[in-house]
Amino acid sequence: MVFSRRLLTTFLKTNQQLNGWSLVTRHGYTRYTLSKNLDLLSSDDIKITNQSANKNLIIREKSRPLVIILAWLLAEKKHLSKYAEVYLNRGIDVLTVKVTPTQLVWPISGSQVVAAELLQFLHQNSICQPLYLHGFSVGAYLWSEVMVKMNRDFENYQPIINRIIGQVWDSAADVSEMEIGLPLAVFPHNKFCKAVLRKYITFHLKTFHNAATCHYLAASELFHNNLIKCPALLLVSKSDPIGSIISNEAIRKKWTNNNIKVHWKCWEDSKHVSHFLKYKSDYINTLENFLDSLILQENKDEILPQKQKVHANL
């Protein structure tokens, strides 16, 4: 028995050194654990290097689309898999990215490290294209930290921005909702602990301005200004106090003014990041229609230069 455990441990370590941990799920796709924050899901057979110089480099013959799912706080894999399957069924690989409460509270050593890891993955894996974004709640903040890094070296990272053709934001939460959202996520059924954590978050934001709050504000500003100009789908609810309709309306207005085409879906009574749970068919239809519109637009963008080239040769 001891020998079997040692053998299994040795196998897992060896497998991690070669390709990262992988697991074939009951749905027929493979999950590759790239790090404690990143998982890659694919219905295709791929190889992933784990050498220090080219860590998490995907090796395959042809490019393949990829969606980055930016998870809500404490999201479980089984919950994210429901969204992932929508994309996997369309032949789109899925990269799930998550942060822990601790990483959220201390962004310099937490969220920004995860953002750098995600950016590095996208930078070295140009074979993953086109790209889609699908973010939930604090996932909007995490992506904002990615954009902060992009903005500091825009010329270097512009090719990544150009690969993104669509963005979906489900219950996007602004920093102003952090005092409400974090306690609800960590202690959803414990009123006392929820109240204590809320008081601490208020204290934390006031006390650790340089270590935390200023980074939240910078990220929030960039999310509102948005470096990503491709079409967006905002999924909200009138009953959501965390990803509030007021803050999302402000985002919608700002993006529209910045020439971003914004699609809007608002439900009456679904809870935070629970629109899919309550309105599954409507959610999937809305998402599928949005994704179909992106494909049509991409095809138009490919055809137009060809027509212009033909006319130029006449």
Protein backbone atom coordinates (compact mmCIF):
# COMPACT_ATOMS: atom_id res chain seq x y z
CA MET A 1 0.00 0.00 0.00
CA VAL A 2 2.83 2.36 0.92
CA PHE A 3 4.64 1.38 -2.27
CA SER A 4 1.52 2.17 -4.33
CA ARG A 5 1.24 5.63 -2.77
CA ARG A 6 4.90 6.34 -3.44
CA LEU A 7 4.54 5.13 -7.01
CA LEU A 8 1.50 7.36 -7.55
CA THR A 9 3.30 10.35 -6.01
CA THR A 10 6.33 9.74 -8.22
CA PHE A 11 4.11 9.49 -11.30
CA LEU A 12 2.32 12.72 -10.54
CA LYS A 13 5.56 14.59 -9.93
CA THR A 14 7.06 13.20 -13.15
CA ASN A 15 3.94 14.03 -15.11
CA GLN A 16 3.94 17.54 -13.69
CA GLN A 17 7.56 18.05 -14.71
CA LEU A 18 6.78 17.01 -18.29
CA ASN A 19 3.36 18.40 -19.07
CA GLY A 20 1.70 19.67 -15.91
CA TRP A 21 -0.89 17.54 -14.17
CA SER A 22 -3.60 16.36 -16.53
CA LEU A 23 -6.93 14.68 -15.97
CA VAL A 24 -9.44 13.36 -18.47
CA THR A 25 -12.88 14.41 -17.23
CA ARG A 26 -16.13 12.50 -17.59
CA HIS A 27 -17.17 14.99 -20.28
CA GLY A 28 -14.33 13.89 -22.55
CA TYR A 29 -12.03 16.89 -22.34
CA THR A 30 -8.67 17.10 -20.59
CA ARG A 31 -7.82 19.40 -17.70
CA TYR A 32 -4.20 20.53 -17.41
CA THR A 33 -3.18 22.09 -14.10
CA LEU A 34 -0.67 24.80 -15.01
CA SER A 35 -0.41 26.30 -11.51
CA LYS A 36 -2.49 26.77 -8.39
CA ASN A 37 -4.29 29.62 -10.15
CA LEU A 38 -4.45 28.46 -13.78
CA ASP A 39 -6.12 25.42 -15.37
CA LEU A 40 -6.33 24.69 -19.09
CA LEU A 41 -9.19 22.62 -20.51
CA SER A 42 -9.20 21.23 -24.04
CA SER A 43 -10.97 18.60 -26.10
CA ASP A 44 -7.82 18.42 -28.21
CA ASP A 45 -4.67 16.41 -27.49
CA ILE A 46 -1.95 18.93 -26.70
CA LYS A 47 1.49 19.00 -25.13
CA ILE A 48 2.56 21.57 -22.56
CA THR A 49 6.19 22.14 -21.66
CA ASN A 50 7.19 22.74 -18.08
CA GLN A 51 10.78 23.80 -18.56
CA SER A 52 11.77 26.97 -16.75
CA ALA A 53 12.56 28.84 -19.97
CA ASN A 54 9.27 27.93 -21.67
CA LYS A 55 6.93 27.03 -18.83
CA ASN A 56 3.33 26.35 -19.89
CA LEU A 57 4.17 26.66 -23.59
CA ILE A 58 1.51 24.87 -25.65
CA ILE A 59 2.83 22.70 -28.47
CA ARG A 60 0.38 22.01 -31.30
CA GLU A 61 0.34 22.26 -35.08
CA LYS A 62 -2.52 24.70 -35.62
CA SER A 63 -3.87 27.72 -33.78
CA ARG A 64 -7.02 27.24 -31.74
CA PRO A 65 -9.35 29.76 -30.07
CA LEU A 66 -9.15 30.21 -26.31
CA VAL A 67 -11.48 31.75 -23.75
CA ILE A 68 -10.08 33.10 -20.48
CA ILE A 69 -12.60 32.44 -17.72
CA LEU A 70 -11.83 34.78 -14.83
CA ALA A 71 -13.53 33.15 -11.87
CA TRP A 72 -15.47 34.65 -9.02
CA LEU A 73 -14.06 34.33 -5.51
CA LEU A 74 -13.97 30.74 -4.16
CA ALA A 75 -15.48 29.35 -7.36
CA GLU A 76 -15.27 25.56 -7.58
CA LYS A 77 -14.11 23.69 -10.67
CA LYS A 78 -17.44 21.89 -11.01
CA HIS A 79 -19.22 25.25 -11.19
CA LEU A 80 -16.83 26.72 -13.74
CA SER A 81 -17.08 23.57 -15.87
CA LYS A 82 -20.72 24.44 -16.71
CA TYR A 83 -19.56 27.61 -18.42
CA ALA A 84 -16.49 25.94 -19.89
CA GLU A 85 -18.61 23.33 -21.66
CA VAL A 86 -20.38 26.02 -23.70
CA TYR A 87 -17.03 26.99 -25.18
CA LEU A 88 -15.56 23.49 -25.41
CA ASN A 89 -18.59 22.40 -27.42
CA ARG A 90 -17.70 25.13 -29.91
CA GLY A 91 -14.11 23.91 -30.24
CA ILE A 92 -12.74 26.66 -27.99
CA ASP A 93 -10.11 25.82 -25.37
CA VAL A 94 -10.68 27.17 -21.87
CA LEU A 95 -8.21 28.76 -19.46
CA THR A 96 -9.68 29.22 -15.97
CA VAL A 97 -8.01 31.78 -13.72
CA LYS A 98 -8.80 32.35 -10.06
CA VAL A 99 -7.54 34.30 -7.07
CA THR A 100 -7.92 33.53 -3.38
CA PRO A 101 -9.31 35.98 -0.81
CA THR A 102 -5.78 36.54 0.50
CA GLN A 103 -4.48 37.29 -3.00
CA LEU A 104 -7.32 39.74 -3.46
CA VAL A 105 -6.68 41.56 -0.18
CA TRP A 106 -2.91 41.85 -0.79
CA PRO A 107 -2.67 42.64 -4.52
CA ILE A 108 1.09 43.24 -4.78
CA SER A 109 1.97 39.72 -3.64
CA GLY A 110 -1.33 38.21 -4.77
CA SER A 111 -3.57 39.38 -7.61
CA GLN A 112 -0.79 41.14 -9.49
CA VAL A 113 1.35 38.00 -9.43
CA VAL A 114 -1.54 35.99 -10.90
CA ALA A 115 -2.11 38.74 -13.49
CA ALA A 116 1.55 38.55 -14.50
CA GLU A 117 1.31 34.77 -14.80
CA LEU A 118 -1.75 35.05 -17.03
CA LEU A 119 -0.15 37.73 -19.18
CA GLN A 120 2.99 35.63 -19.61
CA PHE A 121 0.88 32.65 -20.71
CA LEU A 122 -0.94 34.72 -23.34
CA HIS A 123 2.27 36.38 -24.50
CA GLN A 124 4.17 33.17 -25.17
CA ASN A 125 1.21 31.19 -26.53
CA SER A 126 0.36 33.24 -29.61
CA ILE A 127 -0.96 30.00 -31.11
CA CYS A 128 -4.01 30.55 -28.90
CA GLN A 129 -6.16 32.76 -31.09
CA PRO A 130 -8.60 34.32 -31.35
CA LEU A 131 -9.14 35.08 -27.67
CA TYR A 132 -12.34 35.57 -25.68
CA LEU A 133 -12.82 36.90 -22.15
CA HIS A 134 -15.52 35.66 -19.78
CA GLY A 135 -15.19 37.22 -16.34
CA PHE A 136 -17.22 36.95 -13.16
CA SER A 137 -17.37 39.33 -10.20
CA VAL A 138 -13.78 39.96 -8.97
CA GLY A 139 -12.55 38.46 -12.23
CA ALA A 140 -13.15 41.93 -13.66
CA TYR A 141 -10.65 43.33 -11.16
CA LEU A 142 -8.12 40.59 -11.95
CA TRP A 143 -8.33 41.36 -15.66
CA SER A 144 -7.93 45.04 -14.82
CA GLU A 145 -4.60 44.20 -13.18
CA VAL A 146 -3.62 42.48 -16.43
CA MET A 147 -4.51 45.65 -18.33
CA VAL A 148 -2.46 47.75 -15.91
CA LYS A 149 0.58 45.67 -16.89
CA MET A 150 -0.33 45.85 -20.58
CA ASN A 151 -0.67 49.61 -20.39
CA ARG A 152 2.85 49.98 -19.00
CA ASP A 153 4.30 48.24 -22.07
CA PHE A 154 1.53 48.74 -24.60
CA GLU A 155 3.64 48.22 -27.71
CA ASN A 156 4.86 44.84 -26.46
CA TYR A 157 1.42 43.58 -25.47
CA GLN A 158 -0.71 45.10 -28.24
CA PRO A 159 -0.62 41.82 -30.23
CA ILE A 160 -2.47 40.16 -27.32
CA ILE A 161 -5.10 42.90 -27.34
CA ASN A 162 -5.51 42.47 -31.09
CA ARG A 163 -6.20 38.75 -30.63
CA ILE A 164 -9.19 39.40 -28.32
CA ILE A 165 -12.45 39.48 -30.31
CA GLY A 166 -15.09 39.36 -27.57
CA GLN A 167 -15.59 39.97 -23.85
CA VAL A 168 -18.32 38.78 -21.50
CA TRP A 169 -18.73 40.20 -17.99
CA ASP A 170 -21.09 38.41 -15.63
CA SER A 171 -21.87 40.29 -12.39
CA ALA A 172 -18.78 42.47 -12.79
CA ALA A 173 -17.93 43.92 -9.37
CA ASP A 174 -16.26 47.28 -8.90
CA VAL A 175 -13.89 48.05 -6.01
CA SER A 176 -16.65 50.12 -4.44
CA GLU A 177 -18.57 46.87 -3.81
CA MET A 178 -15.65 45.07 -2.18
CA GLU A 179 -16.88 45.70 1.38
CA ILE A 180 -20.15 43.99 0.46
CA GLY A 181 -18.90 41.31 -1.90
CA LEU A 182 -15.93 39.81 -0.07
CA PRO A 183 -17.78 39.03 3.20
CA LEU A 184 -20.69 37.52 1.25
CA ALA A 185 -18.32 35.31 -0.75
CA VAL A 186 -16.32 34.06 2.25
CA PHE A 187 -19.16 33.75 4.80
CA PRO A 188 -22.42 33.46 2.82
CA HIS A 189 -24.36 31.88 5.71
CA ASN A 190 -22.69 33.34 8.80
CA LYS A 191 -24.02 36.79 9.70
CA PHE A 192 -21.58 37.37 12.56
CA CYS A 193 -18.44 36.50 10.59
CA LYS A 194 -19.81 38.42 7.63
CA ALA A 195 -20.21 41.57 9.76
CA VAL A 196 -16.74 41.18 11.28
CA LEU A 197 -15.08 40.75 7.89
CA ARG A 198 -16.97 43.73 6.49
CA LYS A 199 -15.63 45.94 9.29
CA TYR A 200 -12.13 44.62 8.67
CA ILE A 201 -12.34 45.32 4.92
CA THR A 202 -13.40 48.90 5.70
CA PHE A 203 -10.40 49.19 8.04
CA HIS A 204 -8.11 47.51 5.49
CA LEU A 205 -9.04 49.91 2.69
CA LYS A 206 -8.45 52.95 4.89
CA THR A 207 -5.25 51.71 6.54
CA PHE A 208 -3.39 50.04 3.67
CA HIS A 209 -3.85 52.60 0.94
CA ASN A 210 -0.40 52.15 -0.63
CA ALA A 211 -0.39 48.37 -0.28
CA ALA A 212 -3.92 47.75 -1.52
CA THR A 213 -6.45 50.54 -2.09
CA CYS A 214 -4.48 52.60 -4.60
CA HIS A 215 -4.04 49.47 -6.73
CA TYR A 216 -7.77 48.75 -6.67
CA LEU A 217 -8.52 52.31 -7.75
CA ALA A 218 -5.96 52.24 -10.58
CA ALA A 219 -7.34 48.93 -11.82
CA SER A 220 -10.93 50.16 -11.59
CA GLU A 221 -10.13 53.25 -13.63
CA LEU A 222 -8.55 51.15 -16.36
CA PHE A 223 -11.50 48.75 -16.43
CA HIS A 224 -13.84 51.70 -17.02
CA ASN A 225 -11.58 53.11 -19.75
CA ASN A 226 -10.90 49.59 -21.10
CA LEU A 227 -7.99 48.87 -23.43
CA ILE A 228 -10.04 46.12 -25.06
CA LYS A 229 -12.24 47.70 -27.75
CA CYS A 230 -13.95 44.57 -29.08
CA PRO A 231 -17.70 43.93 -28.53
CA ALA A 232 -18.80 43.26 -24.96
CA LEU A 233 -21.70 41.45 -23.31
CA LEU A 234 -22.72 42.61 -19.83
CA LEU A 235 -24.83 40.17 -17.78
CA VAL A 236 -26.46 41.76 -14.73
CA SER A 237 -29.40 41.54 -12.34
CA LYS A 238 -31.51 44.17 -10.62
CA SER A 239 -31.23 42.10 -7.42
CA ASP A 240 -27.43 41.94 -7.31
CA PRO A 241 -25.92 44.24 -4.63
CA ILE A 242 -22.33 43.26 -5.47
CA GLY A 243 -22.17 43.58 -9.25
CA SER A 244 -24.80 46.29 -9.04
CA ILE A 245 -26.82 47.47 -11.99
CA ILE A 246 -25.80 51.07 -11.19
CA SER A 247 -22.06 50.39 -11.51
CA ASN A 248 -22.59 48.23 -14.60
CA GLU A 249 -24.73 50.93 -16.21
CA ALA A 250 -21.85 53.35 -15.66
CA ILE A 251 -19.49 50.89 -17.35
CA ARG A 252 -21.93 50.42 -20.21
CA LYS A 253 -22.17 54.18 -20.76
CA LYS A 254 -18.40 54.72 -20.59
CA TRP A 255 -17.65 51.89 -22.99
CA THR A 256 -20.32 52.97 -25.45
CA ASN A 257 -18.84 56.47 -25.44
CA ASN A 258 -15.46 54.87 -26.19
CA ASN A 259 -16.91 53.16 -29.29
CA ILE A 260 -17.19 49.72 -27.72
CA LYS A 261 -20.28 47.87 -28.91
CA VAL A 262 -22.04 46.76 -25.71
CA HIS A 263 -24.68 44.04 -25.56
CA TRP A 264 -26.80 44.14 -22.40
CA LYS A 265 -28.79 41.46 -20.59
CA CYS A 266 -30.50 42.24 -17.30
CA TRP A 267 -32.56 39.81 -15.21
CA GLU A 268 -34.98 40.81 -12.48
CA ASP A 269 -34.16 38.57 -9.55
CA SER A 270 -31.08 36.37 -10.04
CA LYS A 271 -28.38 36.52 -7.38
CA HIS A 272 -24.73 37.45 -7.81
CA VAL A 273 -23.02 35.14 -10.36
CA SER A 274 -26.18 33.01 -10.35
CA HIS A 275 -27.86 34.10 -13.58
CA PHE A 276 -26.86 30.81 -15.24
CA LEU A 277 -28.26 28.83 -12.32
CA LYS A 278 -31.70 30.46 -12.43
CA TYR A 279 -32.04 31.22 -16.14
CA LYS A 280 -29.90 28.54 -17.76
CA SER A 281 -31.59 28.41 -21.18
CA ASP A 282 -31.84 32.19 -21.48
CA TYR A 283 -28.23 32.60 -20.33
CA ILE A 284 -26.88 30.06 -22.83
CA ASN A 285 -28.96 31.47 -25.70
CA THR A 286 -27.77 35.00 -24.92
CA LEU A 287 -24.16 33.85 -24.77
CA GLU A 288 -24.42 31.72 -27.93
CA ASN A 289 -26.01 34.55 -29.91
CA PHE A 290 -23.25 36.90 -28.79
CA LEU A 291 -20.53 34.43 -29.77
CA ASP A 292 -22.20 33.86 -33.15
CA SER A 293 -22.24 37.61 -33.77
CA LEU A 294 -18.50 37.75 -33.11
CA ILE A 295 -17.83 35.03 -35.68
CA LEU A 296 -19.91 36.88 -38.27
CA GLN A 297 -18.01 40.09 -37.56
CA GLU A 298 -14.66 38.30 -37.75
CA ASN A 299 -15.61 36.81 -41.12
CA LYS A 300 -16.59 40.27 -42.39
CA ASP A 301 -13.27 41.69 -41.21
CA GLU A 302 -11.44 38.96 -43.13
CA ILE A 303 -13.49 39.38 -46.31
CA LEU A 304 -13.24 43.20 -46.47
CA PRO A 305 -9.42 43.39 -46.91
CA GLN A 306 -9.68 40.72 -49.62
CA LYS A 307 -12.28 42.79 -51.51
CA GLN A 308 -10.14 45.90 -51.14
CA LYS A 309 -7.15 43.98 -52.50
CA VAL A 310 -9.15 42.79 -55.53
CA HIS A 311 -10.33 46.34 -56.31
CA ALA A 312 -6.78 47.61 -55.96
CA ASN A 313 -5.60 45.14 -58.60
CA LEU A 314 -8.32 46.07 -61.12
